[in-house]
């Protein structure tokens, strides 16, 4: 009996040591809270980096916090609540024009992947004059997608009514519930809109408006000047780069995280989203100047005219992780 007790005690002690070591390892990770938007496929590289533990691989423990719109994320970064944000490039430009030191350090998604889905009686973009258009928030990527759509038909923003819904799922619900005539909706919710019988009205990726900084990584320049923070940002981007590659290469990883974060269970919707985003996401995190310039076109600010968008982004960190 004693040998068995001895063996049990030895095994228990070994397990206890492993638990303590695991806790110690977790304590060695640098904890980072990151605000993000939206809860859709546009945030795939971040979702995959979290779920595949890519941040832990690079010494970070990242806690993603959903914020209903890029302007909210940017305000939180400036207030010191987040060090980094998964936000929108257009919102970063707006923030800088207002005098902040927020800057884009990477661009996981330089394409507008937010389509317009409309009620059946809306046959063309021109039919939207005087109508209600659902977006997540003013200044968010869905808002810029809506402005792009209007511009394609020569419609001024004051000729429609934009309705803020707070999230992509909420924008779909507003369309289904008849509270708006059209909604700017990203995948996989766009496929839900299609399944519900709403026709596709406008797809930016099929037009000159496709190149756009829908999702970027942003931080304060003052925060990045600290050597320790510089290293944290580099490690964050290393994990994000690996998440980006998996987004492009692994349909299973894409479907797995979409199922968790968007709560979509339909296999056809998940597969369709994986195929759509495989072509939408780039091979590099570098921010294209043209994408930022396209965003600038739709920013209403006294300083916007003549503003050099190169002041709003810096690819130095992306180049450094290469």
C-alpha atoms as a PDB file:
ATOM      1  CA  UNK A   1       0.000   0.000   0.000  1.00  0.00           C
ATOM      2  CA  UNK A   2       2.823   2.378   0.854  1.00  0.00           C
ATOM      3  CA  UNK A   3       4.463   2.186  -2.612  1.00  0.00           C
ATOM      4  CA  UNK A   4       1.091   3.079  -4.207  1.00  0.00           C
ATOM      5  CA  UNK A   5       0.692   6.056  -1.854  1.00  0.00           C
ATOM      6  CA  UNK A   6       4.246   7.082  -2.663  1.00  0.00           C
ATOM      7  CA  UNK A   7       3.578   6.924  -6.382  1.00  0.00           C
ATOM      8  CA  UNK A   8       0.310   8.890  -5.986  1.00  0.00           C
ATOM      9  CA  UNK A   9       2.122  11.552  -3.958  1.00  0.00           C
ATOM     10  CA  UNK A  10       4.862  11.803  -6.569  1.00  0.00           C
ATOM     11  CA  UNK A  11       2.376  12.225  -9.420  1.00  0.00           C
ATOM     12  CA  UNK A  12       0.412  14.834  -7.438  1.00  0.00           C
ATOM     13  CA  UNK A  13       3.606  16.756  -6.725  1.00  0.00           C
ATOM     14  CA  UNK A  14       4.572  16.651 -10.398  1.00  0.00           C
ATOM     15  CA  UNK A  15       1.150  18.001 -11.424  1.00  0.00           C
ATOM     16  CA  UNK A  16       1.418  20.752  -8.812  1.00  0.00           C
ATOM     17  CA  UNK A  17       4.828  21.762 -10.159  1.00  0.00           C
ATOM     18  CA  UNK A  18       3.447  21.891 -13.716  1.00  0.00           C
ATOM     19  CA  UNK A  19       0.544  24.103 -12.595  1.00  0.00           C
ATOM     20  CA  UNK A  20       2.869  26.459 -10.747  1.00  0.00           C
ATOM     21  CA  UNK A  21       5.190  26.635 -13.752  1.00  0.00           C
ATOM     22  CA  UNK A  22       2.252  27.355 -16.075  1.00  0.00           C
ATOM     23  CA  UNK A  23       1.076  30.154 -13.793  1.00  0.00           C
ATOM     24  CA  UNK A  24       4.583  31.554 -13.680  1.00  0.00           C
ATOM     25  CA  UNK A  25       4.745  31.431 -17.470  1.00  0.00           C
ATOM     26  CA  UNK A  26       1.411  33.258 -17.714  1.00  0.00           C
ATOM     27  CA  UNK A  27       2.678  35.906 -15.289  1.00  0.00           C
ATOM     28  CA  UNK A  28       5.695  36.473 -17.522  1.00  0.00           C
ATOM     29  CA  UNK A  29       3.456  37.507 -20.430  1.00  0.00           C
ATOM     30  CA  UNK A  30       2.936  41.218 -20.994  1.00  0.00           C
ATOM     31  CA  UNK A  31      -0.772  41.907 -20.609  1.00  0.00           C
ATOM     32  CA  UNK A  32      -2.336  44.128 -23.230  1.00  0.00           C
ATOM     33  CA  UNK A  33      -5.950  45.256 -23.609  1.00  0.00           C
ATOM     34  CA  UNK A  34      -6.792  46.053 -27.222  1.00  0.00           C
ATOM     35  CA  UNK A  35      -9.974  47.735 -28.408  1.00  0.00           C
ATOM     36  CA  UNK A  36     -11.360  46.439 -31.682  1.00  0.00           C
ATOM     37  CA  UNK A  37     -14.185  46.770 -34.162  1.00  0.00           C
ATOM     38  CA  UNK A  38     -16.143  45.309 -35.900  1.00  0.00           C
ATOM     39  CA  UNK A  39     -17.417  41.872 -34.891  1.00  0.00           C
ATOM     40  CA  UNK A  40     -17.191  40.584 -38.439  1.00  0.00           C
ATOM     41  CA  UNK A  41     -14.706  39.082 -40.853  1.00  0.00           C
ATOM     42  CA  UNK A  42     -12.854  42.401 -41.054  1.00  0.00           C
ATOM     43  CA  UNK A  43     -11.286  41.555 -37.678  1.00  0.00           C
ATOM     44  CA  UNK A  44     -10.205  38.037 -38.682  1.00  0.00           C
ATOM     45  CA  UNK A  45      -6.414  38.476 -38.256  1.00  0.00           C
ATOM     46  CA  UNK A  46      -6.943  39.694 -34.679  1.00  0.00           C
ATOM     47  CA  UNK A  47      -9.430  36.941 -33.839  1.00  0.00           C
ATOM     48  CA  UNK A  48      -7.144  34.253 -35.243  1.00  0.00           C
ATOM     49  CA  UNK A  49      -4.077  35.635 -33.464  1.00  0.00           C
ATOM     50  CA  UNK A  50      -6.002  35.434 -30.179  1.00  0.00           C
ATOM     51  CA  UNK A  51      -7.524  31.995 -30.708  1.00  0.00           C
ATOM     52  CA  UNK A  52      -4.356  30.395 -32.090  1.00  0.00           C
ATOM     53  CA  UNK A  53      -2.344  31.842 -29.167  1.00  0.00           C
ATOM     54  CA  UNK A  54      -0.004  33.697 -31.503  1.00  0.00           C
ATOM     55  CA  UNK A  55       0.292  36.599 -29.079  1.00  0.00           C
ATOM     56  CA  UNK A  56       1.468  34.259 -26.305  1.00  0.00           C
ATOM     57  CA  UNK A  57       4.066  32.926 -28.719  1.00  0.00           C
ATOM     58  CA  UNK A  58       5.493  36.447 -28.859  1.00  0.00           C
ATOM     59  CA  UNK A  59       5.312  37.128 -25.124  1.00  0.00           C
ATOM     60  CA  UNK A  60       1.952  38.919 -24.961  1.00  0.00           C
ATOM     61  CA  UNK A  61      -1.393  38.168 -23.389  1.00  0.00           C
ATOM     62  CA  UNK A  62      -3.949  40.163 -25.354  1.00  0.00           C
ATOM     63  CA  UNK A  63      -7.454  40.880 -24.105  1.00  0.00           C
ATOM     64  CA  UNK A  64      -9.621  42.096 -27.019  1.00  0.00           C
ATOM     65  CA  UNK A  65     -12.451  44.456 -26.066  1.00  0.00           C
ATOM     66  CA  UNK A  66     -15.188  45.211 -28.583  1.00  0.00           C
ATOM     67  CA  UNK A  67     -16.049  48.876 -29.048  1.00  0.00           C
ATOM     68  CA  UNK A  68     -18.991  49.862 -31.247  1.00  0.00           C
ATOM     69  CA  UNK A  69     -17.065  52.026 -33.689  1.00  0.00           C
ATOM     70  CA  UNK A  70     -13.557  53.272 -34.454  1.00  0.00           C
ATOM     71  CA  UNK A  71     -14.052  56.790 -32.981  1.00  0.00           C
ATOM     72  CA  UNK A  72     -14.743  55.177 -29.581  1.00  0.00           C
ATOM     73  CA  UNK A  73     -11.585  53.079 -29.815  1.00  0.00           C
ATOM     74  CA  UNK A  74      -9.464  56.072 -30.772  1.00  0.00           C
ATOM     75  CA  UNK A  75     -10.834  58.139 -27.905  1.00  0.00           C
ATOM     76  CA  UNK A  76     -10.036  55.290 -25.504  1.00  0.00           C
ATOM     77  CA  UNK A  77      -6.451  55.071 -26.811  1.00  0.00           C
ATOM     78  CA  UNK A  78      -5.989  58.806 -26.338  1.00  0.00           C
ATOM     79  CA  UNK A  79      -7.428  58.517 -22.818  1.00  0.00           C
ATOM     80  CA  UNK A  80      -4.883  55.812 -21.950  1.00  0.00           C
ATOM     81  CA  UNK A  81      -7.427  52.984 -21.661  1.00  0.00           C
ATOM     82  CA  UNK A  82      -5.800  51.034 -24.527  1.00  0.00           C
ATOM     83  CA  UNK A  83      -2.260  51.148 -25.855  1.00  0.00           C
ATOM     84  CA  UNK A  84      -3.184  49.717 -29.250  1.00  0.00           C
ATOM     85  CA  UNK A  85      -6.406  49.560 -31.223  1.00  0.00           C
ATOM     86  CA  UNK A  86      -7.789  47.567 -34.155  1.00  0.00           C
ATOM     87  CA  UNK A  87      -9.578  50.497 -35.698  1.00  0.00           C
ATOM     88  CA  UNK A  88     -10.235  52.261 -39.026  1.00  0.00           C
ATOM     89  CA  UNK A  89      -7.738  54.297 -41.031  1.00  0.00           C
ATOM     90  CA  UNK A  90     -10.221  57.042 -41.836  1.00  0.00           C
ATOM     91  CA  UNK A  91     -10.943  57.541 -38.156  1.00  0.00           C
ATOM     92  CA  UNK A  92      -7.198  57.833 -37.447  1.00  0.00           C
ATOM     93  CA  UNK A  93      -6.887  60.589 -40.052  1.00  0.00           C
ATOM     94  CA  UNK A  94      -9.856  62.415 -38.504  1.00  0.00           C
ATOM     95  CA  UNK A  95      -8.250  62.137 -35.082  1.00  0.00           C
ATOM     96  CA  UNK A  96      -4.959  63.566 -36.317  1.00  0.00           C
ATOM     97  CA  UNK A  97      -6.718  66.428 -38.068  1.00  0.00           C
ATOM     98  CA  UNK A  98      -8.267  67.203 -34.690  1.00  0.00           C
ATOM     99  CA  UNK A  99      -4.790  67.469 -33.181  1.00  0.00           C
ATOM    100  CA  UNK A 100      -4.072  64.008 -31.723  1.00  0.00           C
ATOM    101  CA  UNK A 101      -0.823  62.036 -32.052  1.00  0.00           C
ATOM    102  CA  UNK A 102      -2.609  58.831 -33.049  1.00  0.00           C
ATOM    103  CA  UNK A 103      -0.883  57.046 -35.919  1.00  0.00           C
ATOM    104  CA  UNK A 104      -1.486  53.964 -38.054  1.00  0.00           C
ATOM    105  CA  UNK A 105       1.355  51.438 -37.707  1.00  0.00           C
ATOM    106  CA  UNK A 106      -0.134  48.594 -39.795  1.00  0.00           C
ATOM    107  CA  UNK A 107      -3.054  47.899 -42.105  1.00  0.00           C
ATOM    108  CA  UNK A 108      -4.399  44.319 -41.961  1.00  0.00           C
ATOM    109  CA  UNK A 109      -7.261  45.144 -44.323  1.00  0.00           C
ATOM    110  CA  UNK A 110      -6.730  47.890 -46.965  1.00  0.00           C
ATOM    111  CA  UNK A 111     -10.009  47.159 -48.735  1.00  0.00           C
ATOM    112  CA  UNK A 112     -13.651  48.070 -48.204  1.00  0.00           C
ATOM    113  CA  UNK A 113     -15.321  44.726 -47.505  1.00  0.00           C
ATOM    114  CA  UNK A 114     -18.572  46.326 -46.414  1.00  0.00           C
ATOM    115  CA  UNK A 115     -21.390  45.966 -48.931  1.00  0.00           C
ATOM    116  CA  UNK A 116     -24.712  47.761 -49.164  1.00  0.00           C
ATOM    117  CA  UNK A 117     -27.809  45.582 -48.917  1.00  0.00           C
ATOM    118  CA  UNK A 118     -31.146  47.229 -49.554  1.00  0.00           C
ATOM    119  CA  UNK A 119     -34.860  46.715 -49.492  1.00  0.00           C
ATOM    120  CA  UNK A 120     -36.176  45.175 -52.767  1.00  0.00           C
ATOM    121  CA  UNK A 121     -37.798  48.405 -53.929  1.00  0.00           C
ATOM    122  CA  UNK A 122     -34.374  50.135 -53.962  1.00  0.00           C
ATOM    123  CA  UNK A 123     -33.164  49.270 -57.457  1.00  0.00           C
ATOM    124  CA  UNK A 124     -30.066  51.487 -57.674  1.00  0.00           C
ATOM    125  CA  UNK A 125     -27.882  53.733 -55.528  1.00  0.00           C
ATOM    126  CA  UNK A 126     -29.658  56.721 -57.096  1.00  0.00           C
ATOM    127  CA  UNK A 127     -32.878  55.532 -55.405  1.00  0.00           C
ATOM    128  CA  UNK A 128     -31.341  56.252 -51.981  1.00  0.00           C
ATOM    129  CA  UNK A 129     -31.946  60.015 -52.122  1.00  0.00           C
ATOM    130  CA  UNK A 130     -34.052  60.911 -49.102  1.00  0.00           C
ATOM    131  CA  UNK A 131     -33.721  57.392 -47.682  1.00  0.00           C
ATOM    132  CA  UNK A 132     -32.238  55.977 -44.449  1.00  0.00           C
ATOM    133  CA  UNK A 133     -28.902  54.143 -44.492  1.00  0.00           C
ATOM    134  CA  UNK A 134     -27.733  52.012 -41.580  1.00  0.00           C
ATOM    135  CA  UNK A 135     -24.108  52.198 -40.372  1.00  0.00           C
ATOM    136  CA  UNK A 136     -22.406  51.174 -37.150  1.00  0.00           C
ATOM    137  CA  UNK A 137     -21.260  54.688 -36.168  1.00  0.00           C
ATOM    138  CA  UNK A 138     -20.351  57.951 -37.812  1.00  0.00           C
ATOM    139  CA  UNK A 139     -16.664  57.939 -38.704  1.00  0.00           C
ATOM    140  CA  UNK A 140     -16.477  54.124 -38.734  1.00  0.00           C
ATOM    141  CA  UNK A 141     -15.619  52.049 -41.814  1.00  0.00           C
ATOM    142  CA  UNK A 142     -19.299  51.338 -42.459  1.00  0.00           C
ATOM    143  CA  UNK A 143     -19.912  55.096 -42.617  1.00  0.00           C
ATOM    144  CA  UNK A 144     -17.037  55.581 -45.079  1.00  0.00           C
ATOM    145  CA  UNK A 145     -18.388  52.690 -47.171  1.00  0.00           C
ATOM    146  CA  UNK A 146     -21.740  54.446 -47.262  1.00  0.00           C
ATOM    147  CA  UNK A 147     -20.113  57.715 -48.317  1.00  0.00           C
ATOM    148  CA  UNK A 148     -18.238  55.883 -51.081  1.00  0.00           C
ATOM    149  CA  UNK A 149     -21.477  54.401 -52.316  1.00  0.00           C
ATOM    150  CA  UNK A 150     -23.174  57.809 -52.422  1.00  0.00           C
ATOM    151  CA  UNK A 151     -20.189  59.348 -54.202  1.00  0.00           C
ATOM    152  CA  UNK A 152     -20.402  56.686 -56.913  1.00  0.00           C
ATOM    153  CA  UNK A 153     -23.854  58.016 -57.812  1.00  0.00           C
ATOM    154  CA  UNK A 154     -23.171  61.702 -57.255  1.00  0.00           C
ATOM    155  CA  UNK A 155     -25.317  61.852 -54.109  1.00  0.00           C
ATOM    156  CA  UNK A 156     -24.308  64.262 -51.347  1.00  0.00           C
ATOM    157  CA  UNK A 157     -24.251  62.996 -47.730  1.00  0.00           C
ATOM    158  CA  UNK A 158     -26.917  65.531 -46.702  1.00  0.00           C
ATOM    159  CA  UNK A 159     -29.320  64.028 -49.252  1.00  0.00           C
ATOM    160  CA  UNK A 160     -29.725  60.873 -47.124  1.00  0.00           C
ATOM    161  CA  UNK A 161     -30.149  60.084 -43.435  1.00  0.00           C
ATOM    162  CA  UNK A 162     -27.454  57.930 -41.825  1.00  0.00           C
ATOM    163  CA  UNK A 163     -28.677  55.863 -38.866  1.00  0.00           C
ATOM    164  CA  UNK A 164     -26.137  54.687 -36.262  1.00  0.00           C
ATOM    165  CA  UNK A 165     -26.852  51.143 -35.082  1.00  0.00           C
ATOM    166  CA  UNK A 166     -23.780  50.363 -32.957  1.00  0.00           C
ATOM    167  CA  UNK A 167     -22.749  47.096 -34.628  1.00  0.00           C
ATOM    168  CA  UNK A 168     -22.861  45.132 -37.879  1.00  0.00           C
ATOM    169  CA  UNK A 169     -25.405  42.663 -36.522  1.00  0.00           C
ATOM    170  CA  UNK A 170     -27.549  45.562 -35.360  1.00  0.00           C
ATOM    171  CA  UNK A 171     -27.378  47.124 -38.837  1.00  0.00           C
ATOM    172  CA  UNK A 172     -28.671  43.865 -40.299  1.00  0.00           C
ATOM    173  CA  UNK A 173     -31.464  43.808 -37.713  1.00  0.00           C
ATOM    174  CA  UNK A 174     -32.366  47.396 -38.616  1.00  0.00           C
ATOM    175  CA  UNK A 175     -32.678  46.398 -42.280  1.00  0.00           C
ATOM    176  CA  UNK A 176     -34.780  43.344 -41.494  1.00  0.00           C
ATOM    177  CA  UNK A 177     -36.939  45.365 -39.121  1.00  0.00           C
ATOM    178  CA  UNK A 178     -37.592  48.084 -41.708  1.00  0.00           C
ATOM    179  CA  UNK A 179     -35.942  50.854 -39.693  1.00  0.00           C
ATOM    180  CA  UNK A 180     -33.591  51.625 -42.608  1.00  0.00           C
ATOM    181  CA  UNK A 181     -33.852  51.332 -46.378  1.00  0.00           C
ATOM    182  CA  UNK A 182     -30.293  50.053 -46.826  1.00  0.00           C
ATOM    183  CA  UNK A 183     -27.495  48.945 -44.507  1.00  0.00           C
ATOM    184  CA  UNK A 184     -23.733  48.793 -44.846  1.00  0.00           C
ATOM    185  CA  UNK A 185     -22.958  45.249 -43.757  1.00  0.00           C
ATOM    186  CA  UNK A 186     -19.749  43.199 -43.633  1.00  0.00           C
ATOM    187  CA  UNK A 187     -19.360  39.427 -43.927  1.00  0.00           C
ATOM    188  CA  UNK A 188     -20.659  37.009 -42.794  1.00  0.00           C
ATOM    189  CA  UNK A 189     -23.706  39.143 -41.980  1.00  0.00           C
ATOM    190  CA  UNK A 190     -23.921  40.181 -45.625  1.00  0.00           C
ATOM    191  CA  UNK A 191     -24.650  36.580 -46.543  1.00  0.00           C
ATOM    192  CA  UNK A 192     -27.411  36.583 -43.943  1.00  0.00           C
ATOM    193  CA  UNK A 193     -28.891  39.648 -45.624  1.00  0.00           C
ATOM    194  CA  UNK A 194     -28.783  37.809 -48.951  1.00  0.00           C
ATOM    195  CA  UNK A 195     -30.417  34.746 -47.417  1.00  0.00           C
ATOM    196  CA  UNK A 196     -33.169  37.005 -46.010  1.00  0.00           C
ATOM    197  CA  UNK A 197     -33.976  38.170 -49.550  1.00  0.00           C
ATOM    198  CA  UNK A 198     -32.282  41.566 -49.631  1.00  0.00           C
ATOM    199  CA  UNK A 199     -30.491  42.395 -52.912  1.00  0.00           C
ATOM    200  CA  UNK A 200     -26.879  43.542 -53.068  1.00  0.00           C
ATOM    201  CA  UNK A 201     -26.912  47.242 -53.955  1.00  0.00           C
ATOM    202  CA  UNK A 202     -23.234  48.241 -53.903  1.00  0.00           C
ATOM    203  CA  UNK A 203     -19.916  46.416 -53.482  1.00  0.00           C
ATOM    204  CA  UNK A 204     -16.942  48.796 -53.071  1.00  0.00           C
ATOM    205  CA  UNK A 205     -14.413  46.090 -53.967  1.00  0.00           C
ATOM    206  CA  UNK A 206     -15.886  45.969 -57.467  1.00  0.00           C
ATOM    207  CA  UNK A 207     -15.257  49.685 -57.961  1.00  0.00           C
ATOM    208  CA  UNK A 208     -12.554  52.328 -57.702  1.00  0.00           C
ATOM    209  CA  UNK A 209     -13.484  52.719 -54.032  1.00  0.00           C
ATOM    210  CA  UNK A 210     -12.208  49.277 -53.077  1.00  0.00           C
ATOM    211  CA  UNK A 211      -8.754  50.357 -51.838  1.00  0.00           C
ATOM    212  CA  UNK A 212      -9.446  51.732 -48.377  1.00  0.00           C
ATOM    213  CA  UNK A 213      -7.953  51.378 -44.837  1.00  0.00           C
ATOM    214  CA  UNK A 214     -10.908  49.467 -43.388  1.00  0.00           C
ATOM    215  CA  UNK A 215      -8.866  47.955 -40.545  1.00  0.00           C
ATOM    216  CA  UNK A 216      -5.621  49.347 -39.164  1.00  0.00           C
ATOM    217  CA  UNK A 217      -3.537  49.041 -36.027  1.00  0.00           C
ATOM    218  CA  UNK A 218      -3.153  52.388 -34.283  1.00  0.00           C
ATOM    219  CA  UNK A 219      -1.205  53.736 -31.309  1.00  0.00           C
ATOM    220  CA  UNK A 220      -0.066  57.072 -29.942  1.00  0.00           C
ATOM    221  CA  UNK A 221       3.270  58.306 -31.238  1.00  0.00           C
ATOM    222  CA  UNK A 222       4.152  59.425 -27.714  1.00  0.00           C
ATOM    223  CA  UNK A 223       3.578  55.875 -26.440  1.00  0.00           C
ATOM    224  CA  UNK A 224       5.714  54.331 -29.179  1.00  0.00           C
ATOM    225  CA  UNK A 225       8.709  56.532 -28.330  1.00  0.00           C
ATOM    226  CA  UNK A 226       9.371  54.487 -25.187  1.00  0.00           C
ATOM    227  CA  UNK A 227      11.792  51.635 -26.028  1.00  0.00           C
ATOM    228  CA  UNK A 228       9.770  49.049 -24.079  1.00  0.00           C
ATOM    229  CA  UNK A 229       6.547  50.045 -25.818  1.00  0.00           C
ATOM    230  CA  UNK A 230       8.325  49.923 -29.165  1.00  0.00           C
ATOM    231  CA  UNK A 231       9.221  46.280 -28.487  1.00  0.00           C
ATOM    232  CA  UNK A 232       5.643  45.508 -27.412  1.00  0.00           C
ATOM    233  CA  UNK A 233       4.325  46.984 -30.643  1.00  0.00           C
ATOM    234  CA  UNK A 234       6.799  44.904 -32.672  1.00  0.00           C
ATOM    235  CA  UNK A 235       5.764  41.689 -30.908  1.00  0.00           C
ATOM    236  CA  UNK A 236       2.110  42.580 -31.393  1.00  0.00           C
ATOM    237  CA  UNK A 237       2.660  43.075 -35.123  1.00  0.00           C
ATOM    238  CA  UNK A 238       4.609  39.818 -35.398  1.00  0.00           C
ATOM    239  CA  UNK A 239       1.608  37.937 -34.011  1.00  0.00           C
ATOM    240  CA  UNK A 240      -0.783  39.940 -36.188  1.00  0.00           C
ATOM    241  CA  UNK A 241       1.278  39.138 -39.282  1.00  0.00           C
ATOM    242  CA  UNK A 242       1.014  35.420 -38.532  1.00  0.00           C
ATOM    243  CA  UNK A 243      -2.716  35.857 -37.970  1.00  0.00           C
ATOM    244  CA  UNK A 244      -2.962  37.598 -41.326  1.00  0.00           C
ATOM    245  CA  UNK A 245      -1.230  34.730 -43.109  1.00  0.00           C
ATOM    246  CA  UNK A 246      -3.540  32.169 -41.486  1.00  0.00           C
ATOM    247  CA  UNK A 247      -6.530  34.264 -42.563  1.00  0.00           C
ATOM    248  CA  UNK A 248      -5.362  33.911 -46.155  1.00  0.00           C
ATOM    249  CA  UNK A 249      -4.308  30.274 -45.975  1.00  0.00           C
ATOM    250  CA  UNK A 250      -6.547  28.426 -43.507  1.00  0.00           C
ATOM    251  CA  UNK A 251     -10.264  28.263 -44.233  1.00  0.00           C
ATOM    252  CA  UNK A 252     -10.692  26.078 -41.142  1.00  0.00           C
ATOM    253  CA  UNK A 253      -9.160  28.734 -38.875  1.00  0.00           C
ATOM    254  CA  UNK A 254     -11.343  31.405 -40.462  1.00  0.00           C
ATOM    255  CA  UNK A 255     -14.537  29.396 -40.026  1.00  0.00           C
ATOM    256  CA  UNK A 256     -13.616  28.447 -36.466  1.00  0.00           C
ATOM    257  CA  UNK A 257     -13.187  32.029 -35.258  1.00  0.00           C
ATOM    258  CA  UNK A 258     -16.161  33.373 -37.230  1.00  0.00           C
ATOM    259  CA  UNK A 259     -18.319  30.716 -35.618  1.00  0.00           C
ATOM    260  CA  UNK A 260     -17.161  31.820 -32.171  1.00  0.00           C
ATOM    261  CA  UNK A 261     -17.166  35.611 -32.553  1.00  0.00           C
ATOM    262  CA  UNK A 262     -20.113  36.158 -34.900  1.00  0.00           C
ATOM    263  CA  UNK A 263     -22.127  33.175 -33.627  1.00  0.00           C
ATOM    264  CA  UNK A 264     -22.872  32.109 -37.177  1.00  0.00           C
ATOM    265  CA  UNK A 265     -23.320  28.318 -37.342  1.00  0.00           C
ATOM    266  CA  UNK A 266     -24.413  27.898 -40.950  1.00  0.00           C
ATOM    267  CA  UNK A 267     -21.597  26.083 -42.761  1.00  0.00           C
ATOM    268  CA  UNK A 268     -22.467  27.634 -46.127  1.00  0.00           C
ATOM    269  CA  UNK A 269     -22.234  31.153 -44.684  1.00  0.00           C
ATOM    270  CA  UNK A 270     -18.932  30.359 -42.997  1.00  0.00           C
ATOM    271  CA  UNK A 271     -17.455  28.793 -46.137  1.00  0.00           C
ATOM    272  CA  UNK A 272     -18.652  31.693 -48.281  1.00  0.00           C
ATOM    273  CA  UNK A 273     -17.056  34.172 -45.886  1.00  0.00           C
ATOM    274  CA  UNK A 274     -13.760  32.250 -45.874  1.00  0.00           C
ATOM    275  CA  UNK A 275     -13.634  32.337 -49.674  1.00  0.00           C
ATOM    276  CA  UNK A 276     -14.532  36.026 -49.806  1.00  0.00           C
ATOM    277  CA  UNK A 277     -11.863  37.095 -47.331  1.00  0.00           C
ATOM    278  CA  UNK A 278      -9.125  34.928 -48.825  1.00  0.00           C
ATOM    279  CA  UNK A 279      -8.929  37.416 -51.678  1.00  0.00           C
ATOM    280  CA  UNK A 280      -9.629  40.542 -49.608  1.00  0.00           C
ATOM    281  CA  UNK A 281      -6.754  40.324 -47.119  1.00  0.00           C
ATOM    282  CA  UNK A 282      -3.270  41.342 -48.331  1.00  0.00           C
ATOM    283  CA  UNK A 283       0.048  39.534 -47.991  1.00  0.00           C
ATOM    284  CA  UNK A 284       1.584  42.279 -45.861  1.00  0.00           C
ATOM    285  CA  UNK A 285       0.611  44.553 -42.979  1.00  0.00           C
ATOM    286  CA  UNK A 286       2.077  47.613 -44.724  1.00  0.00           C
ATOM    287  CA  UNK A 287      -0.276  50.584 -45.043  1.00  0.00           C
ATOM    288  CA  UNK A 288      -0.815  51.679 -48.682  1.00  0.00           C
ATOM    289  CA  UNK A 289      -0.625  55.452 -49.103  1.00  0.00           C
ATOM    290  CA  UNK A 290      -3.347  55.321 -51.770  1.00  0.00           C
ATOM    291  CA  UNK A 291      -5.753  53.656 -49.345  1.00  0.00           C
ATOM    292  CA  UNK A 292      -5.267  56.436 -46.802  1.00  0.00           C
ATOM    293  CA  UNK A 293      -5.646  59.041 -49.555  1.00  0.00           C
ATOM    294  CA  UNK A 294      -8.970  57.476 -50.548  1.00  0.00           C
ATOM    295  CA  UNK A 295     -10.171  57.763 -46.950  1.00  0.00           C
ATOM    296  CA  UNK A 296      -9.171  61.423 -46.804  1.00  0.00           C
ATOM    297  CA  UNK A 297     -11.620  62.215 -49.623  1.00  0.00           C
ATOM    298  CA  UNK A 298     -14.582  61.607 -47.324  1.00  0.00           C
ATOM    299  CA  UNK A 299     -13.361  63.422 -44.226  1.00  0.00           C
ATOM    300  CA  UNK A 300     -15.033  66.737 -43.524  1.00  0.00           C
ATOM    301  CA  UNK A 301     -12.553  68.924 -41.681  1.00  0.00           C
ATOM    302  CA  UNK A 302     -11.185  72.415 -42.368  1.00  0.00           C
ATOM    303  CA  UNK A 303      -7.645  71.013 -42.506  1.00  0.00           C
ATOM    304  CA  UNK A 304      -8.477  68.036 -44.731  1.00  0.00           C
ATOM    305  CA  UNK A 305      -7.852  69.867 -48.000  1.00  0.00           C
ATOM    306  CA  UNK A 306      -4.156  69.702 -48.759  1.00  0.00           C
ATOM    307  CA  UNK A 307      -3.413  67.382 -45.829  1.00  0.00           C
ATOM    308  CA  UNK A 308      -0.485  65.013 -46.444  1.00  0.00           C
ATOM    309  CA  UNK A 309      -1.787  61.536 -45.507  1.00  0.00           C
ATOM    310  CA  UNK A 310       1.796  60.337 -45.046  1.00  0.00           C
ATOM    311  CA  UNK A 311       1.637  62.076 -41.680  1.00  0.00           C
ATOM    312  CA  UNK A 312      -1.104  59.661 -40.570  1.00  0.00           C
ATOM    313  CA  UNK A 313       0.760  56.356 -40.967  1.00  0.00           C
ATOM    314  CA  UNK A 314       4.225  54.888 -40.520  1.00  0.00           C
ATOM    315  CA  UNK A 315       5.377  51.566 -41.993  1.00  0.00           C
ATOM    316  CA  UNK A 316       8.660  51.532 -40.056  1.00  0.00           C
ATOM    317  CA  UNK A 317       7.487  48.905 -37.550  1.00  0.00           C
ATOM    318  CA  UNK A 318       6.101  46.651 -40.279  1.00  0.00           C
ATOM    319  CA  UNK A 319       9.396  46.920 -42.138  1.00  0.00           C
ATOM    320  CA  UNK A 320      11.255  46.122 -38.933  1.00  0.00           C
ATOM    321  CA  UNK A 321       9.419  42.823 -38.325  1.00  0.00           C
ATOM    322  CA  UNK A 322      10.358  41.645 -41.811  1.00  0.00           C
END
